[in-house]
Amino acid sequence: MSTIAVIINGETRQVPGPGSLLQLLEHLGLDPRTVVVELNREIVRRPRLGETGIADGDAIELVHFVGGG
């Protein structure tokens, strides 16, 4: 697999691709149950992460849930 340049939380990064958002989360070591994913300013629901592709130049925002009390 080759690499693509995407913008993750404002930082340009080289990641394996093309691929899916789910594959990107796995590459980053993130549990899809603990993040909200926005792709090019559109929130992607968890069931669609595996079918939503990423491409060179995409802007991705990842927001982590933090538990506590």
Protein backbone atom coordinates (compact mmCIF):
# COMPACT_ATOMS: atom_id res chain seq x y z
CA MET A 1 0.00 0.00 0.00
CA SER A 2 1.29 3.46 -0.81
CA THR A 3 0.94 6.58 1.31
CA ILE A 4 -1.25 9.65 1.01
CA ALA A 5 -1.05 13.07 2.64
CA VAL A 6 -4.05 13.96 4.79
CA ILE A 7 -4.63 16.70 7.32
CA ILE A 8 -5.42 15.27 10.76
CA ASN A 9 -6.51 17.83 13.36
CA GLY A 10 -4.74 20.57 11.40
CA GLU A 11 -1.46 18.69 10.88
CA THR A 12 -0.42 17.22 7.53
CA ARG A 13 0.56 13.57 7.90
CA GLN A 14 1.58 10.76 5.58
CA VAL A 15 -0.58 7.69 6.18
CA PRO A 16 -1.13 4.39 4.38
CA GLY A 17 -3.71 4.76 1.66
CA PRO A 18 -5.90 5.00 -0.05
CA GLY A 19 -8.01 3.21 2.51
CA SER A 20 -10.96 3.66 4.82
CA LEU A 21 -11.43 5.79 7.90
CA LEU A 22 -11.56 2.59 9.96
CA GLN A 23 -8.16 1.54 8.60
CA LEU A 24 -6.80 4.99 9.44
CA LEU A 25 -8.04 4.73 13.04
CA GLU A 26 -6.43 1.28 13.33
CA HIS A 27 -3.16 2.68 11.94
CA LEU A 28 -3.28 5.47 14.54
CA GLY A 29 -4.05 2.99 17.34
CA LEU A 30 -7.45 4.53 18.09
CA ASP A 31 -10.57 2.68 19.14
CA PRO A 32 -13.44 3.79 16.86
CA ARG A 33 -15.80 3.60 19.84
CA THR A 34 -13.95 6.43 21.58
CA VAL A 35 -13.68 9.04 18.80
CA VAL A 36 -15.93 11.17 16.66
CA VAL A 37 -14.65 11.42 13.09
CA GLU A 38 -15.22 14.35 10.76
CA LEU A 39 -14.16 14.04 7.13
CA ASN A 40 -14.04 17.26 5.12
CA ARG A 41 -16.40 18.95 7.61
CA GLU A 42 -18.94 16.10 7.61
CA ILE A 43 -19.38 13.84 10.64
CA VAL A 44 -19.10 10.16 9.70
CA ARG A 45 -21.20 7.79 11.80
CA ARG A 46 -19.38 4.81 13.29
CA PRO A 47 -21.14 2.14 11.14
CA ARG A 48 -19.86 3.90 7.99
CA LEU A 49 -16.19 4.17 9.00
CA GLY A 50 -15.24 0.96 7.17
CA GLU A 51 -16.94 1.99 3.94
CA THR A 52 -15.86 5.65 3.88
CA GLY A 53 -12.66 6.10 1.94
CA ILE A 54 -9.93 8.65 2.46
CA ALA A 55 -7.91 10.27 -0.29
CA ASP A 56 -4.91 12.53 -0.70
CA GLY A 57 -5.66 16.01 0.68
CA ASP A 58 -8.64 15.04 2.87
CA ALA A 59 -9.13 16.99 6.09
CA ILE A 60 -9.92 14.74 9.06
CA GLU A 61 -10.79 15.87 12.56
CA LEU A 62 -10.69 13.34 15.40
CA VAL A 63 -12.34 14.17 18.71
CA HIS A 64 -11.66 11.82 21.64
CA PHE A 65 -14.20 11.05 24.33
CA VAL A 66 -12.84 11.48 27.84
CA GLY A 67 -14.54 9.75 30.74
CA GLY A 68 -14.52 10.88 34.30
CA GLY A 69 -16.65 12.18 37.05
